[in-house]
mmCIF file of all heavy atoms, coordinates in Angstrom:
data_MODEL
# 
_entry.id   MODEL 
# 
loop_
_atom_site.group_PDB 
_atom_site.id 
_atom_site.type_symbol 
_atom_site.label_atom_id 
_atom_site.label_alt_id 
_atom_site.label_comp_id 
_atom_site.label_asym_id 
_atom_site.label_entity_id 
_atom_site.label_seq_id 
_atom_site.pdbx_PDB_ins_code 
_atom_site.Cartn_x 
_atom_site.Cartn_y 
_atom_site.Cartn_z 
_atom_site.occupancy 
_atom_site.B_iso_or_equiv 
_atom_site.pdbx_formal_charge 
_atom_site.auth_seq_id 
_atom_site.auth_comp_id 
_atom_site.auth_asym_id 
_atom_site.auth_atom_id 
_atom_site.pdbx_PDB_model_num 
ATOM 1   N N   . LEU A 1 1  ? 11.787  -4.480  -13.229 1.00 0.00 ? 1  LEU A N   1 
ATOM 2   C CA  . LEU A 1 1  ? 10.409  -4.288  -12.897 1.00 0.00 ? 1  LEU A CA  1 
ATOM 3   C C   . LEU A 1 1  ? 10.203  -3.876  -11.426 1.00 0.00 ? 1  LEU A C   1 
ATOM 4   O O   . LEU A 1 1  ? 9.408   -2.965  -11.080 1.00 0.00 ? 1  LEU A O   1 
ATOM 5   C CB  . LEU A 1 1  ? 9.514   -5.493  -13.214 1.00 0.00 ? 1  LEU A CB  1 
ATOM 6   C CG  . LEU A 1 1  ? 8.016   -5.283  -13.067 1.00 0.00 ? 1  LEU A CG  1 
ATOM 7   C CD1 . LEU A 1 1  ? 7.501   -4.189  -14.014 1.00 0.00 ? 1  LEU A CD1 1 
ATOM 8   C CD2 . LEU A 1 1  ? 7.282   -6.556  -13.385 1.00 0.00 ? 1  LEU A CD2 1 
ATOM 9   N N   . PRO A 1 2  ? 10.941  -4.540  -10.501 1.00 0.00 ? 2  PRO A N   1 
ATOM 10  C CA  . PRO A 1 2  ? 10.723  -4.146  -9.052  1.00 0.00 ? 2  PRO A CA  1 
ATOM 11  C C   . PRO A 1 2  ? 11.007  -2.651  -8.754  1.00 0.00 ? 2  PRO A C   1 
ATOM 12  O O   . PRO A 1 2  ? 10.373  -2.071  -7.915  1.00 0.00 ? 2  PRO A O   1 
ATOM 13  C CB  . PRO A 1 2  ? 11.708  -5.034  -8.294  1.00 0.00 ? 2  PRO A CB  1 
ATOM 14  C CG  . PRO A 1 2  ? 11.874  -6.202  -9.201  1.00 0.00 ? 2  PRO A CG  1 
ATOM 15  C CD  . PRO A 1 2  ? 11.816  -5.686  -10.556 1.00 0.00 ? 2  PRO A CD  1 
ATOM 16  N N   . VAL A 1 3  ? 11.987  -2.099  -9.461  1.00 0.00 ? 3  VAL A N   1 
ATOM 17  C CA  . VAL A 1 3  ? 12.329  -0.683  -9.240  1.00 0.00 ? 3  VAL A CA  1 
ATOM 18  C C   . VAL A 1 3  ? 11.122  0.216   -9.559  1.00 0.00 ? 3  VAL A C   1 
ATOM 19  O O   . VAL A 1 3  ? 10.786  1.188   -8.831  1.00 0.00 ? 3  VAL A O   1 
ATOM 20  C CB  . VAL A 1 3  ? 13.562  -0.291  -10.059 1.00 0.00 ? 3  VAL A CB  1 
ATOM 21  C CG1 . VAL A 1 3  ? 13.864  1.193   -9.837  1.00 0.00 ? 3  VAL A CG1 1 
ATOM 22  C CG2 . VAL A 1 3  ? 14.773  -1.127  -9.594  1.00 0.00 ? 3  VAL A CG2 1 
ATOM 23  N N   . LEU A 1 4  ? 10.550  -0.032  -10.703 1.00 0.00 ? 4  LEU A N   1 
ATOM 24  C CA  . LEU A 1 4  ? 9.407   0.800   -11.154 1.00 0.00 ? 4  LEU A CA  1 
ATOM 25  C C   . LEU A 1 4  ? 8.204   0.643   -10.264 1.00 0.00 ? 4  LEU A C   1 
ATOM 26  O O   . LEU A 1 4  ? 7.565   1.597   -9.907  1.00 0.00 ? 4  LEU A O   1 
ATOM 27  C CB  . LEU A 1 4  ? 9.040   0.404   -12.606 1.00 0.00 ? 4  LEU A CB  1 
ATOM 28  C CG  . LEU A 1 4  ? 10.144  0.580   -13.662 1.00 0.00 ? 4  LEU A CG  1 
ATOM 29  C CD1 . LEU A 1 4  ? 9.666   0.054   -15.017 1.00 0.00 ? 4  LEU A CD1 1 
ATOM 30  C CD2 . LEU A 1 4  ? 10.545  2.054   -13.773 1.00 0.00 ? 4  LEU A CD2 1 
ATOM 31  N N   . SER A 1 5  ? 7.881   -0.632  -9.918  1.00 0.00 ? 5  SER A N   1 
ATOM 32  C CA  . SER A 1 5  ? 6.709   -0.861  -9.084  1.00 0.00 ? 5  SER A CA  1 
ATOM 33  C C   . SER A 1 5  ? 6.844   -0.331  -7.690  1.00 0.00 ? 5  SER A C   1 
ATOM 34  O O   . SER A 1 5  ? 5.853   0.107   -7.075  1.00 0.00 ? 5  SER A O   1 
ATOM 35  C CB  . SER A 1 5  ? 6.381   -2.342  -9.066  1.00 0.00 ? 5  SER A CB  1 
ATOM 36  O OG  . SER A 1 5  ? 7.473   -3.052  -8.521  1.00 0.00 ? 5  SER A OG  1 
ATOM 37  N N   . SER A 1 6  ? 8.035   -0.340  -7.115  1.00 0.00 ? 6  SER A N   1 
ATOM 38  C CA  . SER A 1 6  ? 8.253   0.199   -5.779  1.00 0.00 ? 6  SER A CA  1 
ATOM 39  C C   . SER A 1 6  ? 7.959   1.703   -5.694  1.00 0.00 ? 6  SER A C   1 
ATOM 40  O O   . SER A 1 6  ? 7.470   2.199   -4.707  1.00 0.00 ? 6  SER A O   1 
ATOM 41  C CB  . SER A 1 6  ? 9.677   -0.088  -5.291  1.00 0.00 ? 6  SER A CB  1 
ATOM 42  O OG  . SER A 1 6  ? 10.648  0.587   -6.124  1.00 0.00 ? 6  SER A OG  1 
ATOM 43  N N   . LEU A 1 7  ? 8.228   2.381   -6.788  1.00 0.00 ? 7  LEU A N   1 
ATOM 44  C CA  . LEU A 1 7  ? 7.917   3.837   -6.851  1.00 0.00 ? 7  LEU A CA  1 
ATOM 45  C C   . LEU A 1 7  ? 6.395   4.031   -6.791  1.00 0.00 ? 7  LEU A C   1 
ATOM 46  O O   . LEU A 1 7  ? 5.933   4.923   -6.106  1.00 0.00 ? 7  LEU A O   1 
ATOM 47  C CB  . LEU A 1 7  ? 8.490   4.402   -8.150  1.00 0.00 ? 7  LEU A CB  1 
ATOM 48  C CG  . LEU A 1 7  ? 9.974   4.476   -8.268  1.00 0.00 ? 7  LEU A CG  1 
ATOM 49  C CD1 . LEU A 1 7  ? 10.398  5.022   -9.656  1.00 0.00 ? 7  LEU A CD1 1 
ATOM 50  C CD2 . LEU A 1 7  ? 10.625  5.305   -7.182  1.00 0.00 ? 7  LEU A CD2 1 
ATOM 51  N N   . LEU A 1 8  ? 5.653   3.198   -7.459  1.00 0.00 ? 8  LEU A N   1 
ATOM 52  C CA  . LEU A 1 8  ? 4.166   3.270   -7.446  1.00 0.00 ? 8  LEU A CA  1 
ATOM 53  C C   . LEU A 1 8  ? 3.644   2.940   -6.054  1.00 0.00 ? 8  LEU A C   1 
ATOM 54  O O   . LEU A 1 8  ? 2.748   3.648   -5.533  1.00 0.00 ? 8  LEU A O   1 
ATOM 55  C CB  . LEU A 1 8  ? 3.584   2.367   -8.522  1.00 0.00 ? 8  LEU A CB  1 
ATOM 56  C CG  . LEU A 1 8  ? 3.919   2.680   -9.975  1.00 0.00 ? 8  LEU A CG  1 
ATOM 57  C CD1 . LEU A 1 8  ? 3.325   1.617   -10.893 1.00 0.00 ? 8  LEU A CD1 1 
ATOM 58  C CD2 . LEU A 1 8  ? 3.373   4.050   -10.323 1.00 0.00 ? 8  LEU A CD2 1 
ATOM 59  N N   . LEU A 1 9  ? 4.184   1.894   -5.441  1.00 0.00 ? 9  LEU A N   1 
ATOM 60  C CA  . LEU A 1 9  ? 3.709   1.538   -4.128  1.00 0.00 ? 9  LEU A CA  1 
ATOM 61  C C   . LEU A 1 9  ? 4.055   2.612   -3.081  1.00 0.00 ? 9  LEU A C   1 
ATOM 62  O O   . LEU A 1 9  ? 3.226   2.962   -2.243  1.00 0.00 ? 9  LEU A O   1 
ATOM 63  C CB  . LEU A 1 9  ? 4.366   0.213   -3.697  1.00 0.00 ? 9  LEU A CB  1 
ATOM 64  C CG  . LEU A 1 9  ? 3.996   -0.310  -2.274  1.00 0.00 ? 9  LEU A CG  1 
ATOM 65  C CD1 . LEU A 1 9  ? 2.472   -0.539  -2.191  1.00 0.00 ? 9  LEU A CD1 1 
ATOM 66  C CD2 . LEU A 1 9  ? 4.751   -1.571  -1.961  1.00 0.00 ? 9  LEU A CD2 1 
ATOM 67  N N   . GLY A 1 10 ? 5.224   3.185   -3.193  1.00 0.00 ? 10 GLY A N   1 
ATOM 68  C CA  . GLY A 1 10 ? 5.644   4.234   -2.264  1.00 0.00 ? 10 GLY A CA  1 
ATOM 69  C C   . GLY A 1 10 ? 4.764   5.468   -2.409  1.00 0.00 ? 10 GLY A C   1 
ATOM 70  O O   . GLY A 1 10 ? 4.351   6.086   -1.461  1.00 0.00 ? 10 GLY A O   1 
ATOM 71  N N   . TYR A 1 11 ? 4.459   5.793   -3.666  1.00 0.00 ? 11 TYR A N   1 
ATOM 72  C CA  . TYR A 1 11 ? 3.567   6.956   -3.920  1.00 0.00 ? 11 TYR A CA  1 
ATOM 73  C C   . TYR A 1 11 ? 2.174   6.728   -3.329  1.00 0.00 ? 11 TYR A C   1 
ATOM 74  O O   . TYR A 1 11 ? 1.576   7.625   -2.713  1.00 0.00 ? 11 TYR A O   1 
ATOM 75  C CB  . TYR A 1 11 ? 3.515   7.241   -5.385  1.00 0.00 ? 11 TYR A CB  1 
ATOM 76  C CG  . TYR A 1 11 ? 2.535   8.353   -5.749  1.00 0.00 ? 11 TYR A CG  1 
ATOM 77  C CD1 . TYR A 1 11 ? 2.892   9.679   -5.648  1.00 0.00 ? 11 TYR A CD1 1 
ATOM 78  C CD2 . TYR A 1 11 ? 1.229   8.048   -6.239  1.00 0.00 ? 11 TYR A CD2 1 
ATOM 79  C CE1 . TYR A 1 11 ? 2.018   10.700  -5.962  1.00 0.00 ? 11 TYR A CE1 1 
ATOM 80  C CE2 . TYR A 1 11 ? 0.330   9.060   -6.524  1.00 0.00 ? 11 TYR A CE2 1 
ATOM 81  C CZ  . TYR A 1 11 ? 0.753   10.380  -6.402  1.00 0.00 ? 11 TYR A CZ  1 
ATOM 82  O OH  . TYR A 1 11 ? -0.169  11.354  -6.711  1.00 0.00 ? 11 TYR A OH  1 
ATOM 83  N N   . PHE A 1 12 ? 1.658   5.509   -3.534  1.00 0.00 ? 12 PHE A N   1 
ATOM 84  C CA  . PHE A 1 12 ? 0.323   5.191   -3.036  1.00 0.00 ? 12 PHE A CA  1 
ATOM 85  C C   . PHE A 1 12 ? 0.269   5.265   -1.499  1.00 0.00 ? 12 PHE A C   1 
ATOM 86  O O   . PHE A 1 12 ? -0.686  5.722   -0.895  1.00 0.00 ? 12 PHE A O   1 
ATOM 87  C CB  . PHE A 1 12 ? -0.123  3.825   -3.495  1.00 0.00 ? 12 PHE A CB  1 
ATOM 88  C CG  . PHE A 1 12 ? -1.516  3.444   -3.111  1.00 0.00 ? 12 PHE A CG  1 
ATOM 89  C CD1 . PHE A 1 12 ? -2.597  3.947   -3.835  1.00 0.00 ? 12 PHE A CD1 1 
ATOM 90  C CD2 . PHE A 1 12 ? -1.802  2.624   -2.025  1.00 0.00 ? 12 PHE A CD2 1 
ATOM 91  C CE1 . PHE A 1 12 ? -3.913  3.601   -3.490  1.00 0.00 ? 12 PHE A CE1 1 
ATOM 92  C CE2 . PHE A 1 12 ? -3.040  2.344   -1.689  1.00 0.00 ? 12 PHE A CE2 1 
ATOM 93  C CZ  . PHE A 1 12 ? -4.142  2.814   -2.414  1.00 0.00 ? 12 PHE A CZ  1 
ATOM 94  N N   . ALA A 1 13 ? 1.381   4.756   -0.858  1.00 0.00 ? 13 ALA A N   1 
ATOM 95  C CA  . ALA A 1 13 ? 1.423   4.761   0.575   1.00 0.00 ? 13 ALA A CA  1 
ATOM 96  C C   . ALA A 1 13 ? 1.464   6.182   1.117   1.00 0.00 ? 13 ALA A C   1 
ATOM 97  O O   . ALA A 1 13 ? 0.851   6.537   2.169   1.00 0.00 ? 13 ALA A O   1 
ATOM 98  C CB  . ALA A 1 13 ? 2.670   3.983   1.070   1.00 0.00 ? 13 ALA A CB  1 
ATOM 99  N N   . LEU A 1 14 ? 2.181   7.086   0.416   1.00 0.00 ? 14 LEU A N   1 
ATOM 100 C CA  . LEU A 1 14 ? 2.240   8.485   0.828   1.00 0.00 ? 14 LEU A CA  1 
ATOM 101 C C   . LEU A 1 14 ? 0.892   9.176   0.708   1.00 0.00 ? 14 LEU A C   1 
ATOM 102 O O   . LEU A 1 14 ? 0.489   9.970   1.514   1.00 0.00 ? 14 LEU A O   1 
ATOM 103 C CB  . LEU A 1 14 ? 3.220   9.229   -0.027  1.00 0.00 ? 14 LEU A CB  1 
ATOM 104 C CG  . LEU A 1 14 ? 4.735   9.030   0.337   1.00 0.00 ? 14 LEU A CG  1 
ATOM 105 C CD1 . LEU A 1 14 ? 5.604   9.650   -0.708  1.00 0.00 ? 14 LEU A CD1 1 
ATOM 106 C CD2 . LEU A 1 14 ? 5.052   9.648   1.696   1.00 0.00 ? 14 LEU A CD2 1 
ATOM 107 N N   . ALA A 1 15 ? 0.185   8.851   -0.408  1.00 0.00 ? 15 ALA A N   1 
ATOM 108 C CA  . ALA A 1 15 ? -1.122  9.511   -0.666  1.00 0.00 ? 15 ALA A CA  1 
ATOM 109 C C   . ALA A 1 15 ? -2.222  8.913   0.184   1.00 0.00 ? 15 ALA A C   1 
ATOM 110 O O   . ALA A 1 15 ? -3.265  9.588   0.398   1.00 0.00 ? 15 ALA A O   1 
ATOM 111 C CB  . ALA A 1 15 ? -1.425  9.391   -2.134  1.00 0.00 ? 15 ALA A CB  1 
ATOM 112 N N   . ASN A 1 16 ? -2.091  7.675   0.686   1.00 0.00 ? 16 ASN A N   1 
ATOM 113 C CA  . ASN A 1 16 ? -3.152  6.992   1.433   1.00 0.00 ? 16 ASN A CA  1 
ATOM 114 C C   . ASN A 1 16 ? -2.564  6.361   2.690   1.00 0.00 ? 16 ASN A C   1 
ATOM 115 O O   . ASN A 1 16 ? -2.500  5.113   2.806   1.00 0.00 ? 16 ASN A O   1 
ATOM 116 C CB  . ASN A 1 16 ? -3.843  5.943   0.579   1.00 0.00 ? 16 ASN A CB  1 
ATOM 117 C CG  . ASN A 1 16 ? -4.358  6.500   -0.729  1.00 0.00 ? 16 ASN A CG  1 
ATOM 118 O OD1 . ASN A 1 16 ? -5.473  6.974   -0.782  1.00 0.00 ? 16 ASN A OD1 1 
ATOM 119 N ND2 . ASN A 1 16 ? -3.570  6.432   -1.778  1.00 0.00 ? 16 ASN A ND2 1 
ATOM 120 N N   . PRO A 1 17 ? -2.089  7.170   3.609   1.00 0.00 ? 17 PRO A N   1 
ATOM 121 C CA  . PRO A 1 17 ? -1.404  6.581   4.783   1.00 0.00 ? 17 PRO A CA  1 
ATOM 122 C C   . PRO A 1 17 ? -2.239  5.644   5.676   1.00 0.00 ? 17 PRO A C   1 
ATOM 123 O O   . PRO A 1 17 ? -1.743  4.829   6.378   1.00 0.00 ? 17 PRO A O   1 
ATOM 124 C CB  . PRO A 1 17 ? -0.950  7.857   5.580   1.00 0.00 ? 17 PRO A CB  1 
ATOM 125 C CG  . PRO A 1 17 ? -1.929  8.906   5.129   1.00 0.00 ? 17 PRO A CG  1 
ATOM 126 C CD  . PRO A 1 17 ? -2.203  8.583   3.702   1.00 0.00 ? 17 PRO A CD  1 
ATOM 127 N N   . ASP A 1 18 ? -3.568  5.863   5.690   1.00 0.00 ? 18 ASP A N   1 
ATOM 128 C CA  . ASP A 1 18 ? -4.409  5.070   6.581   1.00 0.00 ? 18 ASP A CA  1 
ATOM 129 C C   . ASP A 1 18 ? -5.040  3.888   5.866   1.00 0.00 ? 18 ASP A C   1 
ATOM 130 O O   . ASP A 1 18 ? -5.785  3.073   6.507   1.00 0.00 ? 18 ASP A O   1 
ATOM 131 C CB  . ASP A 1 18 ? -5.556  5.916   7.158   1.00 0.00 ? 18 ASP A CB  1 
ATOM 132 C CG  . ASP A 1 18 ? -5.025  7.075   7.996   1.00 0.00 ? 18 ASP A CG  1 
ATOM 133 O OD1 . ASP A 1 18 ? -3.990  6.874   8.664   1.00 0.00 ? 18 ASP A OD1 1 
ATOM 134 O OD2 . ASP A 1 18 ? -5.567  8.157   7.957   1.00 0.00 ? 18 ASP A OD2 1 
ATOM 135 N N   . PHE A 1 19 ? -4.805  3.740   4.556   1.00 0.00 ? 19 PHE A N   1 
ATOM 136 C CA  . PHE A 1 19 ? -5.476  2.669   3.827   1.00 0.00 ? 19 PHE A CA  1 
ATOM 137 C C   . PHE A 1 19 ? -5.136  1.289   4.385   1.00 0.00 ? 19 PHE A C   1 
ATOM 138 O O   . PHE A 1 19 ? -6.010  0.416   4.593   1.00 0.00 ? 19 PHE A O   1 
ATOM 139 C CB  . PHE A 1 19 ? -5.069  2.782   2.355   1.00 0.00 ? 19 PHE A CB  1 
ATOM 140 C CG  . PHE A 1 19 ? -5.644  1.688   1.462   1.00 0.00 ? 19 PHE A CG  1 
ATOM 141 C CD1 . PHE A 1 19 ? -6.916  1.697   1.039   1.00 0.00 ? 19 PHE A CD1 1 
ATOM 142 C CD2 . PHE A 1 19 ? -4.828  0.617   1.109   1.00 0.00 ? 19 PHE A CD2 1 
ATOM 143 C CE1 . PHE A 1 19 ? -7.437  0.653   0.234   1.00 0.00 ? 19 PHE A CE1 1 
ATOM 144 C CE2 . PHE A 1 19 ? -5.304  -0.435  0.358   1.00 0.00 ? 19 PHE A CE2 1 
ATOM 145 C CZ  . PHE A 1 19 ? -6.589  -0.399  -0.093  1.00 0.00 ? 19 PHE A CZ  1 
ATOM 146 N N   . PHE A 1 20 ? -3.854  1.015   4.588   1.00 0.00 ? 20 PHE A N   1 
ATOM 147 C CA  . PHE A 1 20 ? -3.401  -0.292  4.955   1.00 0.00 ? 20 PHE A CA  1 
ATOM 148 C C   . PHE A 1 20 ? -3.686  -0.622  6.434   1.00 0.00 ? 20 PHE A C   1 
ATOM 149 O O   . PHE A 1 20 ? -3.883  -1.830  6.777   1.00 0.00 ? 20 PHE A O   1 
ATOM 150 C CB  . PHE A 1 20 ? -1.878  -0.436  4.689   1.00 0.00 ? 20 PHE A CB  1 
ATOM 151 C CG  . PHE A 1 20 ? -1.553  -0.224  3.236   1.00 0.00 ? 20 PHE A CG  1 
ATOM 152 C CD1 . PHE A 1 20 ? -1.089  1.015   2.804   1.00 0.00 ? 20 PHE A CD1 1 
ATOM 153 C CD2 . PHE A 1 20 ? -1.673  -1.241  2.306   1.00 0.00 ? 20 PHE A CD2 1 
ATOM 154 C CE1 . PHE A 1 20 ? -0.764  1.190   1.448   1.00 0.00 ? 20 PHE A CE1 1 
ATOM 155 C CE2 . PHE A 1 20 ? -1.326  -1.047  0.962   1.00 0.00 ? 20 PHE A CE2 1 
ATOM 156 C CZ  . PHE A 1 20 ? -0.863  0.190   0.578   1.00 0.00 ? 20 PHE A CZ  1 
ATOM 157 N N   . THR A 1 21 ? -3.731  0.359   7.299   1.00 0.00 ? 21 THR A N   1 
ATOM 158 C CA  . THR A 1 21 ? -3.957  0.081   8.714   1.00 0.00 ? 21 THR A CA  1 
ATOM 159 C C   . THR A 1 21 ? -5.406  -0.135  9.066   1.00 0.00 ? 21 THR A C   1 
ATOM 160 O O   . THR A 1 21 ? -5.747  -0.517  10.195  1.00 0.00 ? 21 THR A O   1 
ATOM 161 C CB  . THR A 1 21 ? -3.451  1.262   9.573   1.00 0.00 ? 21 THR A CB  1 
ATOM 162 O OG1 . THR A 1 21 ? -4.111  2.460   9.143   1.00 0.00 ? 21 THR A OG1 1 
ATOM 163 C CG2 . THR A 1 21 ? -1.948  1.364   9.425   1.00 0.00 ? 21 THR A CG2 1 
ATOM 164 N N   . SER A 1 22 ? -6.325  0.032   8.074   1.00 0.00 ? 22 SER A N   1 
ATOM 165 C CA  . SER A 1 22 ? -7.713  -0.104  8.340   1.00 0.00 ? 22 SER A CA  1 
ATOM 166 C C   . SER A 1 22 ? -8.264  -1.470  7.887   1.00 0.00 ? 22 SER A C   1 
ATOM 167 O O   . SER A 1 22 ? -9.470  -1.739  7.923   1.00 0.00 ? 22 SER A O   1 
ATOM 168 C CB  . SER A 1 22 ? -8.547  0.963   7.554   1.00 0.00 ? 22 SER A CB  1 
ATOM 169 O OG  . SER A 1 22 ? -8.357  0.873   6.150   1.00 0.00 ? 22 SER A OG  1 
ATOM 170 N N   . PHE A 1 23 ? -7.339  -2.382  7.521   1.00 0.00 ? 23 PHE A N   1 
ATOM 171 C CA  . PHE A 1 23 ? -7.784  -3.739  7.109   1.00 0.00 ? 23 PHE A CA  1 
ATOM 172 C C   . PHE A 1 23 ? -8.467  -4.504  8.212   1.00 0.00 ? 23 PHE A C   1 
ATOM 173 O O   . PHE A 1 23 ? -7.982  -4.493  9.370   1.00 0.00 ? 23 PHE A O   1 
ATOM 174 C CB  . PHE A 1 23 ? -6.605  -4.548  6.575   1.00 0.00 ? 23 PHE A CB  1 
ATOM 175 C CG  . PHE A 1 23 ? -6.078  -4.109  5.244   1.00 0.00 ? 23 PHE A CG  1 
ATOM 176 C CD1 . PHE A 1 23 ? -4.785  -4.463  4.830   1.00 0.00 ? 23 PHE A CD1 1 
ATOM 177 C CD2 . PHE A 1 23 ? -6.779  -3.291  4.425   1.00 0.00 ? 23 PHE A CD2 1 
ATOM 178 C CE1 . PHE A 1 23 ? -4.283  -4.081  3.597   1.00 0.00 ? 23 PHE A CE1 1 
ATOM 179 C CE2 . PHE A 1 23 ? -6.308  -2.862  3.154   1.00 0.00 ? 23 PHE A CE2 1 
ATOM 180 C CZ  . PHE A 1 23 ? -5.052  -3.216  2.773   1.00 0.00 ? 23 PHE A CZ  1 
ATOM 181 N N   . ASN A 1 24 ? -9.505  -5.245  7.901   1.00 0.00 ? 24 ASN A N   1 
ATOM 182 C CA  . ASN A 1 24 ? -10.003 -6.251  8.862   1.00 0.00 ? 24 ASN A CA  1 
ATOM 183 C C   . ASN A 1 24 ? -9.270  -7.546  8.604   1.00 0.00 ? 24 ASN A C   1 
ATOM 184 O O   . ASN A 1 24 ? -8.347  -7.651  7.789   1.00 0.00 ? 24 ASN A O   1 
ATOM 185 C CB  . ASN A 1 24 ? -11.527 -6.403  8.697   1.00 0.00 ? 24 ASN A CB  1 
ATOM 186 C CG  . ASN A 1 24 ? -11.958 -6.856  7.293   1.00 0.00 ? 24 ASN A CG  1 
ATOM 187 O OD1 . ASN A 1 24 ? -11.229 -7.610  6.634   1.00 0.00 ? 24 ASN A OD1 1 
ATOM 188 N ND2 . ASN A 1 24 ? -13.129 -6.380  6.849   1.00 0.00 ? 24 ASN A ND2 1 
ATOM 189 N N   . ALA A 1 25 ? -9.683  -8.633  9.324   1.00 0.00 ? 25 ALA A N   1 
ATOM 190 C CA  . ALA A 1 25 ? -8.940  -9.900  9.234   1.00 0.00 ? 25 ALA A CA  1 
ATOM 191 C C   . ALA A 1 25 ? -8.903  -10.446 7.831   1.00 0.00 ? 25 ALA A C   1 
ATOM 192 O O   . ALA A 1 25 ? -7.877  -10.891 7.300   1.00 0.00 ? 25 ALA A O   1 
ATOM 193 C CB  . ALA A 1 25 ? -9.553  -10.900 10.157  1.00 0.00 ? 25 ALA A CB  1 
ATOM 194 N N   . LEU A 1 26 ? -10.074 -10.474 7.183   1.00 0.00 ? 26 LEU A N   1 
ATOM 195 C CA  . LEU A 1 26 ? -10.152 -11.021 5.848   1.00 0.00 ? 26 LEU A CA  1 
ATOM 196 C C   . LEU A 1 26 ? -9.343  -10.218 4.846   1.00 0.00 ? 26 LEU A C   1 
ATOM 197 O O   . LEU A 1 26 ? -8.632  -10.723 4.019   1.00 0.00 ? 26 LEU A O   1 
ATOM 198 C CB  . LEU A 1 26 ? -11.615 -11.134 5.386   1.00 0.00 ? 26 LEU A CB  1 
ATOM 199 C CG  . LEU A 1 26 ? -11.833 -11.608 3.926   1.00 0.00 ? 26 LEU A CG  1 
ATOM 200 C CD1 . LEU A 1 26 ? -11.244 -13.014 3.778   1.00 0.00 ? 26 LEU A CD1 1 
ATOM 201 C CD2 . LEU A 1 26 ? -13.292 -11.536 3.582   1.00 0.00 ? 26 LEU A CD2 1 
ATOM 202 N N   . GLU A 1 27 ? -9.406  -8.904  4.938   1.00 0.00 ? 27 GLU A N   1 
ATOM 203 C CA  . GLU A 1 27 ? -8.705  -8.016  4.081   1.00 0.00 ? 27 GLU A CA  1 
ATOM 204 C C   . GLU A 1 27 ? -7.167  -8.154  4.282   1.00 0.00 ? 27 GLU A C   1 
ATOM 205 O O   . GLU A 1 27 ? -6.416  -8.059  3.305   1.00 0.00 ? 27 GLU A O   1 
ATOM 206 C CB  . GLU A 1 27 ? -9.078  -6.584  4.276   1.00 0.00 ? 27 GLU A CB  1 
ATOM 207 C CG  . GLU A 1 27 ? -10.502 -6.283  3.819   1.00 0.00 ? 27 GLU A CG  1 
ATOM 208 C CD  . GLU A 1 27 ? -11.056 -4.926  4.239   1.00 0.00 ? 27 GLU A CD  1 
ATOM 209 O OE1 . GLU A 1 27 ? -10.509 -4.381  5.275   1.00 0.00 ? 27 GLU A OE1 1 
ATOM 210 O OE2 . GLU A 1 27 ? -11.969 -4.431  3.626   1.00 0.00 ? 27 GLU A OE2 1 
ATOM 211 N N   . SER A 1 28 ? -6.765  -8.428  5.545   1.00 0.00 ? 28 SER A N   1 
ATOM 212 C CA  . SER A 1 28 ? -5.326  -8.640  5.784   1.00 0.00 ? 28 SER A CA  1 
ATOM 213 C C   . SER A 1 28 ? -4.847  -9.899  5.119   1.00 0.00 ? 28 SER A C   1 
ATOM 214 O O   . SER A 1 28 ? -3.727  -9.933  4.567   1.00 0.00 ? 28 SER A O   1 
ATOM 215 C CB  . SER A 1 28 ? -5.096  -8.716  7.301   1.00 0.00 ? 28 SER A CB  1 
ATOM 216 O OG  . SER A 1 28 ? -5.407  -7.543  7.932   1.00 0.00 ? 28 SER A OG  1 
ATOM 217 N N   . VAL A 1 29 ? -5.657  -10.971 5.200   1.00 0.00 ? 29 VAL A N   1 
ATOM 218 C CA  . VAL A 1 29 ? -5.272  -12.234 4.562   1.00 0.00 ? 29 VAL A CA  1 
ATOM 219 C C   . VAL A 1 29 ? -5.141  -12.023 3.005   1.00 0.00 ? 29 VAL A C   1 
ATOM 220 O O   . VAL A 1 29 ? -4.180  -12.460 2.434   1.00 0.00 ? 29 VAL A O   1 
ATOM 221 C CB  . VAL A 1 29 ? -6.325  -13.335 4.822   1.00 0.00 ? 29 VAL A CB  1 
ATOM 222 C CG1 . VAL A 1 29 ? -6.077  -14.592 3.969   1.00 0.00 ? 29 VAL A CG1 1 
ATOM 223 C CG2 . VAL A 1 29 ? -6.279  -13.690 6.303   1.00 0.00 ? 29 VAL A CG2 1 
# 
């Protein structure tokens, strides 16, 4: 399962490069 899910996470990160860096404190937690 980790192999399949890592492909999805990698694709999402490529398509949304600013999504994760825009978290506020609560969203980070």
